[in-house]
Amino acid sequence: QVQLVESGGGLVQPGGSLRLSCAASGFTFRNYGMRWYRQTPGKERELVATITSAGDITSYADSVKGRFTISRDNAKYTVDLQMSNLKPEDTAMYYCYTLFKGYWGQGTQVTVSS
């Protein structure tokens, strides 16, 4: 029943922008905080951004502060990650995560390369 489906990944040049979206279902979305994580092969999964259930408070990893913005639409059951000024080191699989029982999405690949 619980499902998180990411979309919006792709190939982008350094300095470019990309918007990721996560569509949730199967739980009361507005009651739970949401997170974006990323993982590169050979590296540990990294917490990128967090947003509270009401969307009033956000937090970011130091590596993405000022470049990424997390947002949510509780009416549409979605959480987005707007990424700008992308760098090669942002290349990773990006995963949506909900604090509702710790469910994960399948991930969407972001590749930043010239």
Protein backbone atom coordinates (compact mmCIF):
# COMPACT_ATOMS: atom_id res chain seq x y z
CA GLN A 1 0.00 0.00 0.00
CA VAL A 2 2.72 2.51 0.95
CA GLN A 3 4.57 3.74 -2.08
CA LEU A 4 7.10 6.44 -2.90
CA VAL A 5 7.89 7.02 -6.56
CA GLU A 6 10.69 9.37 -7.59
CA SER A 7 10.98 11.04 -10.96
CA GLY A 8 12.88 13.82 -12.67
CA GLY A 9 16.39 12.43 -12.70
CA GLY A 10 18.63 12.57 -15.72
CA LEU A 11 21.83 13.86 -17.23
CA VAL A 12 22.70 17.51 -16.72
CA GLN A 13 25.79 19.64 -17.28
CA PRO A 14 27.69 21.22 -14.39
CA GLY A 15 25.99 24.44 -13.39
CA GLY A 16 22.64 23.20 -14.61
CA SER A 17 19.41 22.57 -12.75
CA LEU A 18 17.11 19.65 -12.19
CA ARG A 19 13.89 19.16 -10.25
CA LEU A 20 13.15 15.82 -8.61
CA SER A 21 9.68 14.84 -7.51
CA CYS A 22 8.45 12.11 -5.18
CA ALA A 23 4.84 10.96 -5.33
CA ALA A 24 3.59 9.31 -2.14
CA SER A 25 0.59 7.11 -1.48
CA GLY A 26 -0.75 4.68 1.10
CA PHE A 27 -0.42 6.85 4.21
CA THR A 28 -1.50 10.21 5.58
CA PHE A 29 1.21 12.23 3.90
CA ARG A 30 0.61 15.49 5.77
CA ASN A 31 1.42 13.85 9.12
CA TYR A 32 5.00 12.89 8.31
CA GLY A 33 8.30 14.51 7.65
CA MET A 34 9.99 13.69 4.36
CA ARG A 35 13.61 13.38 3.34
CA TRP A 36 15.80 13.13 0.28
CA TYR A 37 18.90 10.96 0.42
CA ARG A 38 21.51 10.21 -2.19
CA GLN A 39 24.02 7.44 -2.70
CA THR A 40 27.03 6.97 -4.96
CA PRO A 41 28.45 3.48 -5.59
CA GLY A 42 31.06 2.73 -2.97
CA LYS A 43 29.87 5.47 -0.63
CA GLU A 44 27.44 5.56 2.25
CA ARG A 45 23.96 6.92 1.76
CA GLU A 46 23.88 10.65 2.54
CA LEU A 47 21.01 12.69 3.93
CA VAL A 48 20.50 15.60 1.54
CA ALA A 49 17.43 17.44 2.78
CA THR A 50 14.61 17.18 5.29
CA ILE A 51 11.22 18.86 5.50
CA THR A 52 8.74 18.78 8.36
CA SER A 53 5.20 17.49 7.94
CA ALA A 54 3.73 20.97 7.52
CA GLY A 55 6.58 22.09 5.31
CA ASP A 56 7.48 24.94 7.63
CA ILE A 57 11.02 23.84 8.50
CA THR A 58 13.71 22.54 6.19
CA SER A 59 17.29 21.44 6.65
CA TYR A 60 20.10 20.58 4.27
CA ALA A 61 23.44 18.90 4.12
CA ASP A 62 26.28 21.40 4.11
CA SER A 63 27.30 20.20 0.67
CA VAL A 64 24.03 21.36 -0.92
CA LYS A 65 23.07 24.41 1.15
CA GLY A 66 22.24 27.37 -1.04
CA ARG A 67 21.86 25.17 -4.11
CA PHE A 68 19.05 22.72 -3.29
CA THR A 69 15.53 23.44 -2.06
CA ILE A 70 13.13 20.87 -0.65
CA SER A 71 9.39 21.54 -0.76
CA ARG A 72 6.14 19.65 -0.42
CA ASP A 73 2.52 19.82 -1.47
CA ASN A 74 0.39 17.99 1.06
CA ALA A 75 -2.71 18.24 -1.12
CA LYS A 76 -0.92 16.42 -3.94
CA TYR A 77 1.10 14.04 -1.73
CA THR A 78 4.36 15.14 -3.28
CA VAL A 79 7.76 16.28 -2.11
CA ASP A 80 10.21 17.92 -4.50
CA LEU A 81 13.91 18.66 -4.57
CA GLN A 82 14.92 21.62 -6.71
CA MET A 83 18.61 21.36 -7.53
CA SER A 84 20.56 24.22 -9.05
CA ASN A 85 24.20 24.97 -9.80
CA LEU A 86 24.78 21.24 -9.99
CA LYS A 87 28.27 19.87 -9.57
CA PRO A 88 29.79 16.56 -10.68
CA GLU A 89 29.92 15.48 -7.04
CA ASP A 90 26.12 15.69 -6.95
CA THR A 91 26.01 12.64 -9.20
CA ALA A 92 24.15 9.92 -7.32
CA MET A 93 20.98 7.92 -6.98
CA TYR A 94 18.48 10.12 -5.17
CA TYR A 95 15.96 8.48 -2.85
CA CYS A 96 12.77 9.74 -1.30
CA TYR A 97 12.16 8.68 2.31
CA THR A 98 9.23 9.05 4.69
CA LEU A 99 9.32 8.93 8.46
CA PHE A 100 6.14 6.85 8.26
CA LYS A 101 7.61 3.45 9.14
CA GLY A 102 10.80 4.35 7.30
CA TYR A 103 9.68 3.63 3.74
CA TRP A 104 11.97 4.30 0.77
CA GLY A 105 11.38 4.98 -2.87
CA GLN A 106 13.18 3.13 -5.64
CA GLY A 107 15.42 6.07 -6.48
CA THR A 108 16.12 8.22 -9.51
CA GLN A 109 19.55 8.69 -11.08
CA VAL A 110 21.12 12.13 -11.34
CA THR A 111 24.28 12.44 -13.41
CA VAL A 112 26.16 15.74 -13.60
CA SER A 113 28.74 15.64 -16.35
CA SER A 114 30.02 17.64 -19.28
